[in-house]
Amino acid sequence: MTKSDPIRPTDADARALARNLLTAATYAALAVTDPNTGTPSVSRIALATAPDGVSVTLISDLASHTAALRRDPNCALLVGEPGDKGDPLTHSRMTLHAKAVYLTKDSDAHIQTRDHYLSLRPKAKLYVDFPDFSFVRFEISGGLLNGGFGKAFHLTSNDLLAPTSFS
């Protein structure tokens, strides 16, 4: 007897849930490989979306995950938090596999991301222009959505695009 595959076919509802989780997220857990030990390391980061909908964060060179991302830009994000009530494992969450891309200061992408980020996170104005802070875009290659008990879906980068992006 073979075990049935718990992954459901990704449908419009799963895509909408994934996009909602991503756009509503104010923070995420970032998984990297520690360059000193070669072991996994996880940090909490602020998360937002750039004007084009790509996930971004603003991080300091002093953070340990910065050195890890500069050495190996492959990473993962865990997005979605348990609600106030009930079993935490019944709440929607997703793991996204990504590549971290640093934005060059004074580039058009940096300027647009900065303005947009500050519109979403106005308190970041206190440190956004410190010389050790950089914007990082997460180019998502895919992931796994857990929409609650018995609702698991594989995601592609296209699954996270707005519906108008589909042909």
C-alpha atoms as a PDB file:
ATOM      1  CA  MET A   1       0.000   0.000   0.000  1.00  0.00           C
ATOM      2  CA  THR A   2       1.414   3.385  -0.980  1.00  0.00           C
ATOM      3  CA  LYS A   3       0.933   6.554   0.942  1.00  0.00           C
ATOM      4  CA  SER A   4      -1.041   9.215  -0.936  1.00  0.00           C
ATOM      5  CA  ASP A   5       0.636  12.496  -1.812  1.00  0.00           C
ATOM      6  CA  PRO A   6      -0.446  15.195   0.672  1.00  0.00           C
ATOM      7  CA  ILE A   7       0.250  17.982  -1.850  1.00  0.00           C
ATOM      8  CA  ARG A   8      -2.869  19.259  -3.601  1.00  0.00           C
ATOM      9  CA  PRO A   9      -2.891  20.734  -7.107  1.00  0.00           C
ATOM     10  CA  THR A  10      -2.217  24.484  -6.844  1.00  0.00           C
ATOM     11  CA  ASP A  11      -5.403  26.347  -7.736  1.00  0.00           C
ATOM     12  CA  ALA A  12      -6.629  29.964  -7.811  1.00  0.00           C
ATOM     13  CA  ASP A  13      -7.594  29.879  -4.119  1.00  0.00           C
ATOM     14  CA  ALA A  14      -4.126  28.669  -3.115  1.00  0.00           C
ATOM     15  CA  ARG A  15      -2.479  31.363  -5.256  1.00  0.00           C
ATOM     16  CA  ALA A  16      -4.702  34.061  -3.715  1.00  0.00           C
ATOM     17  CA  LEU A  17      -3.910  32.842  -0.193  1.00  0.00           C
ATOM     18  CA  ALA A  18      -0.173  32.847  -0.942  1.00  0.00           C
ATOM     19  CA  ARG A  19      -0.299  36.369  -2.392  1.00  0.00           C
ATOM     20  CA  ASN A  20      -2.332  37.601   0.585  1.00  0.00           C
ATOM     21  CA  LEU A  21       0.123  36.096   3.060  1.00  0.00           C
ATOM     22  CA  LEU A  22       3.008  37.759   1.253  1.00  0.00           C
ATOM     23  CA  THR A  23       1.487  41.218   0.851  1.00  0.00           C
ATOM     24  CA  ALA A  24       0.146  41.282   4.423  1.00  0.00           C
ATOM     25  CA  ALA A  25       3.438  40.186   5.994  1.00  0.00           C
ATOM     26  CA  THR A  26       5.307  42.783   8.029  1.00  0.00           C
ATOM     27  CA  TYR A  27       8.033  40.347   9.021  1.00  0.00           C
ATOM     28  CA  ALA A  28       9.308  36.880   8.212  1.00  0.00           C
ATOM     29  CA  ALA A  29      11.800  34.312   9.403  1.00  0.00           C
ATOM     30  CA  LEU A  30      14.866  34.298   7.154  1.00  0.00           C
ATOM     31  CA  ALA A  31      16.886  31.087   6.868  1.00  0.00           C
ATOM     32  CA  VAL A  32      20.492  31.315   5.682  1.00  0.00           C
ATOM     33  CA  THR A  33      23.637  29.208   5.869  1.00  0.00           C
ATOM     34  CA  ASP A  34      26.066  30.572   8.461  1.00  0.00           C
ATOM     35  CA  PRO A  35      29.379  31.184   6.627  1.00  0.00           C
ATOM     36  CA  ASN A  36      31.439  30.441   9.753  1.00  0.00           C
ATOM     37  CA  THR A  37      29.892  27.102  10.651  1.00  0.00           C
ATOM     38  CA  GLY A  38      28.085  25.949   7.505  1.00  0.00           C
ATOM     39  CA  THR A  39      24.982  25.326   9.598  1.00  0.00           C
ATOM     40  CA  PRO A  40      21.494  26.753   9.090  1.00  0.00           C
ATOM     41  CA  SER A  41      20.646  29.963  10.911  1.00  0.00           C
ATOM     42  CA  VAL A  42      17.281  31.722  11.226  1.00  0.00           C
ATOM     43  CA  SER A  43      16.560  35.402  11.961  1.00  0.00           C
ATOM     44  CA  ARG A  44      13.443  37.513  12.088  1.00  0.00           C
ATOM     45  CA  ILE A  45      13.449  40.312   9.509  1.00  0.00           C
ATOM     46  CA  ALA A  46      11.123  43.119   8.526  1.00  0.00           C
ATOM     47  CA  LEU A  47       9.418  42.300   5.235  1.00  0.00           C
ATOM     48  CA  ALA A  48       7.606  44.424   2.695  1.00  0.00           C
ATOM     49  CA  THR A  49       6.912  44.408  -0.998  1.00  0.00           C
ATOM     50  CA  ALA A  50       8.617  46.629  -3.558  1.00  0.00           C
ATOM     51  CA  PRO A  51       6.478  48.637  -6.009  1.00  0.00           C
ATOM     52  CA  ASP A  52       6.633  45.678  -8.429  1.00  0.00           C
ATOM     53  CA  GLY A  53       5.406  43.243  -5.746  1.00  0.00           C
ATOM     54  CA  VAL A  54       8.749  41.543  -5.047  1.00  0.00           C
ATOM     55  CA  SER A  55       9.519  40.911  -1.369  1.00  0.00           C
ATOM     56  CA  VAL A  56      12.163  43.178   0.117  1.00  0.00           C
ATOM     57  CA  THR A  57      13.858  43.848   3.409  1.00  0.00           C
ATOM     58  CA  LEU A  58      16.164  46.524   4.795  1.00  0.00           C
ATOM     59  CA  ILE A  59      19.104  45.060   6.689  1.00  0.00           C
ATOM     60  CA  SER A  60      22.254  46.233   8.389  1.00  0.00           C
ATOM     61  CA  ASP A  61      25.755  45.043   7.574  1.00  0.00           C
ATOM     62  CA  LEU A  62      26.048  44.382  11.318  1.00  0.00           C
ATOM     63  CA  ALA A  63      23.462  41.575  11.177  1.00  0.00           C
ATOM     64  CA  SER A  64      24.884  38.064  11.016  1.00  0.00           C
ATOM     65  CA  HIS A  65      22.494  37.116   8.217  1.00  0.00           C
ATOM     66  CA  THR A  66      23.993  39.874   6.035  1.00  0.00           C
ATOM     67  CA  ALA A  67      27.386  38.153   5.899  1.00  0.00           C
ATOM     68  CA  ALA A  68      25.608  34.873   5.182  1.00  0.00           C
ATOM     69  CA  LEU A  69      23.581  36.350   2.302  1.00  0.00           C
ATOM     70  CA  ARG A  70      26.595  38.086   0.796  1.00  0.00           C
ATOM     71  CA  ARG A  71      28.490  34.794   0.782  1.00  0.00           C
ATOM     72  CA  ASP A  72      25.563  32.633  -0.362  1.00  0.00           C
ATOM     73  CA  PRO A  73      22.452  34.487  -1.546  1.00  0.00           C
ATOM     74  CA  ASN A  74      20.326  31.329  -1.486  1.00  0.00           C
ATOM     75  CA  CYS A  75      17.872  31.544   1.382  1.00  0.00           C
ATOM     76  CA  ALA A  76      14.351  30.744   2.530  1.00  0.00           C
ATOM     77  CA  LEU A  77      11.596  32.842   4.065  1.00  0.00           C
ATOM     78  CA  LEU A  78       8.874  31.602   6.400  1.00  0.00           C
ATOM     79  CA  VAL A  79       5.860  33.890   6.101  1.00  0.00           C
ATOM     80  CA  GLY A  80       2.674  33.726   8.163  1.00  0.00           C
ATOM     81  CA  GLU A  81       2.101  33.732  11.882  1.00  0.00           C
ATOM     82  CA  PRO A  82      -0.281  31.831  14.140  1.00  0.00           C
ATOM     83  CA  GLY A  83      -3.475  33.613  15.104  1.00  0.00           C
ATOM     84  CA  ASP A  84      -4.450  34.614  18.613  1.00  0.00           C
ATOM     85  CA  LYS A  85      -6.490  31.464  19.169  1.00  0.00           C
ATOM     86  CA  GLY A  86      -6.397  27.810  18.283  1.00  0.00           C
ATOM     87  CA  ASP A  87      -3.677  25.398  17.316  1.00  0.00           C
ATOM     88  CA  PRO A  88      -0.794  27.334  15.683  1.00  0.00           C
ATOM     89  CA  LEU A  89      -0.385  24.570  13.105  1.00  0.00           C
ATOM     90  CA  THR A  90      -3.849  25.193  11.673  1.00  0.00           C
ATOM     91  CA  HIS A  91      -2.944  28.728  10.553  1.00  0.00           C
ATOM     92  CA  SER A  92      -1.717  29.464   7.029  1.00  0.00           C
ATOM     93  CA  ARG A  93       1.992  29.838   6.380  1.00  0.00           C
ATOM     94  CA  MET A  94       4.443  29.327   3.564  1.00  0.00           C
ATOM     95  CA  THR A  95       8.105  28.678   2.991  1.00  0.00           C
ATOM     96  CA  LEU A  96       9.596  30.490   0.022  1.00  0.00           C
ATOM     97  CA  HIS A  97      12.905  29.578  -1.621  1.00  0.00           C
ATOM     98  CA  ALA A  98      14.704  32.664  -2.834  1.00  0.00           C
ATOM     99  CA  LYS A  99      17.886  34.347  -3.898  1.00  0.00           C
ATOM    100  CA  ALA A 100      18.829  37.585  -2.118  1.00  0.00           C
ATOM    101  CA  VAL A 101      19.805  40.445  -4.427  1.00  0.00           C
ATOM    102  CA  TYR A 102      21.295  43.595  -2.908  1.00  0.00           C
ATOM    103  CA  LEU A 103      20.198  46.890  -4.454  1.00  0.00           C
ATOM    104  CA  THR A 104      22.990  49.293  -5.331  1.00  0.00           C
ATOM    105  CA  LYS A 105      22.659  52.539  -3.433  1.00  0.00           C
ATOM    106  CA  ASP A 106      21.504  55.470  -5.556  1.00  0.00           C
ATOM    107  CA  SER A 107      20.214  53.137  -8.284  1.00  0.00           C
ATOM    108  CA  ASP A 108      16.690  53.775  -9.566  1.00  0.00           C
ATOM    109  CA  ALA A 109      15.573  50.497  -7.984  1.00  0.00           C
ATOM    110  CA  HIS A 110      17.024  51.555  -4.615  1.00  0.00           C
ATOM    111  CA  ILE A 111      15.374  54.990  -4.741  1.00  0.00           C
ATOM    112  CA  GLN A 112      11.964  53.564  -5.730  1.00  0.00           C
ATOM    113  CA  THR A 113      12.200  50.805  -3.134  1.00  0.00           C
ATOM    114  CA  ARG A 114      13.265  53.287  -0.437  1.00  0.00           C
ATOM    115  CA  ASP A 115      10.316  55.608  -1.091  1.00  0.00           C
ATOM    116  CA  HIS A 116       7.840  52.738  -1.221  1.00  0.00           C
ATOM    117  CA  TYR A 117       9.315  51.020   1.845  1.00  0.00           C
ATOM    118  CA  LEU A 118       9.059  54.228   3.871  1.00  0.00           C
ATOM    119  CA  SER A 119       5.421  54.628   2.848  1.00  0.00           C
ATOM    120  CA  LEU A 120       4.816  51.187   4.386  1.00  0.00           C
ATOM    121  CA  ARG A 121       7.296  51.431   7.297  1.00  0.00           C
ATOM    122  CA  PRO A 122       7.596  55.141   8.226  1.00  0.00           C
ATOM    123  CA  LYS A 123       9.603  54.402  11.395  1.00  0.00           C
ATOM    124  CA  ALA A 124      12.427  53.097   9.189  1.00  0.00           C
ATOM    125  CA  LYS A 125      13.146  56.754   8.316  1.00  0.00           C
ATOM    126  CA  LEU A 126      15.270  56.792  11.478  1.00  0.00           C
ATOM    127  CA  TYR A 127      17.864  54.419   9.961  1.00  0.00           C
ATOM    128  CA  VAL A 128      17.113  53.820   6.257  1.00  0.00           C
ATOM    129  CA  ASP A 129      19.936  56.132   5.144  1.00  0.00           C
ATOM    130  CA  PHE A 130      22.588  54.845   7.560  1.00  0.00           C
ATOM    131  CA  PRO A 131      25.603  53.754   5.480  1.00  0.00           C
ATOM    132  CA  ASP A 132      25.486  50.177   6.796  1.00  0.00           C
ATOM    133  CA  PHE A 133      21.858  49.568   5.704  1.00  0.00           C
ATOM    134  CA  SER A 134      20.917  48.037   2.359  1.00  0.00           C
ATOM    135  CA  PHE A 135      17.776  46.937   0.602  1.00  0.00           C
ATOM    136  CA  VAL A 136      17.597  43.299  -0.400  1.00  0.00           C
ATOM    137  CA  ARG A 137      15.128  41.891  -2.924  1.00  0.00           C
ATOM    138  CA  PHE A 138      14.125  38.258  -2.634  1.00  0.00           C
ATOM    139  CA  GLU A 139      13.822  36.654  -6.060  1.00  0.00           C
ATOM    140  CA  ILE A 140      11.504  33.770  -5.259  1.00  0.00           C
ATOM    141  CA  SER A 141      11.970  30.551  -7.204  1.00  0.00           C
ATOM    142  CA  GLY A 142       9.209  28.572  -5.509  1.00  0.00           C
ATOM    143  CA  GLY A 143       8.012  27.270  -2.212  1.00  0.00           C
ATOM    144  CA  LEU A 144       5.421  25.415  -0.217  1.00  0.00           C
ATOM    145  CA  LEU A 145       2.112  26.797   1.048  1.00  0.00           C
ATOM    146  CA  ASN A 146       0.456  25.222   4.054  1.00  0.00           C
ATOM    147  CA  GLY A 147      -3.074  26.616   4.111  1.00  0.00           C
ATOM    148  CA  GLY A 148      -3.983  24.732   7.290  1.00  0.00           C
ATOM    149  CA  PHE A 149      -4.538  21.080   8.075  1.00  0.00           C
ATOM    150  CA  GLY A 150      -4.592  19.015   4.872  1.00  0.00           C
ATOM    151  CA  LYS A 151      -4.055  22.028   2.593  1.00  0.00           C
ATOM    152  CA  ALA A 152      -0.508  21.836   1.229  1.00  0.00           C
ATOM    153  CA  PHE A 153       0.504  23.214  -2.171  1.00  0.00           C
ATOM    154  CA  HIS A 154       3.728  23.602  -4.140  1.00  0.00           C
ATOM    155  CA  LEU A 155       4.276  27.173  -5.357  1.00  0.00           C
ATOM    156  CA  THR A 156       6.154  28.540  -8.335  1.00  0.00           C
ATOM    157  CA  SER A 157       7.336  32.132  -8.656  1.00  0.00           C
ATOM    158  CA  ASN A 158       4.425  32.720 -11.068  1.00  0.00           C
ATOM    159  CA  ASP A 159       1.930  31.620  -8.419  1.00  0.00           C
ATOM    160  CA  LEU A 160       2.849  34.736  -6.429  1.00  0.00           C
ATOM    161  CA  LEU A 161       2.213  37.172  -9.268  1.00  0.00           C
ATOM    162  CA  ALA A 162      -0.972  39.212  -9.342  1.00  0.00           C
ATOM    163  CA  PRO A 163      -3.727  37.610 -11.491  1.00  0.00           C
ATOM    164  CA  THR A 164      -3.319  40.334 -14.139  1.00  0.00           C
ATOM    165  CA  SER A 165       0.208  39.005 -14.696  1.00  0.00           C
ATOM    166  CA  PHE A 166      -1.126  35.710 -16.076  1.00  0.00           C
ATOM    167  CA  SER A 167      -1.625  35.427 -19.821  1.00  0.00           C
END
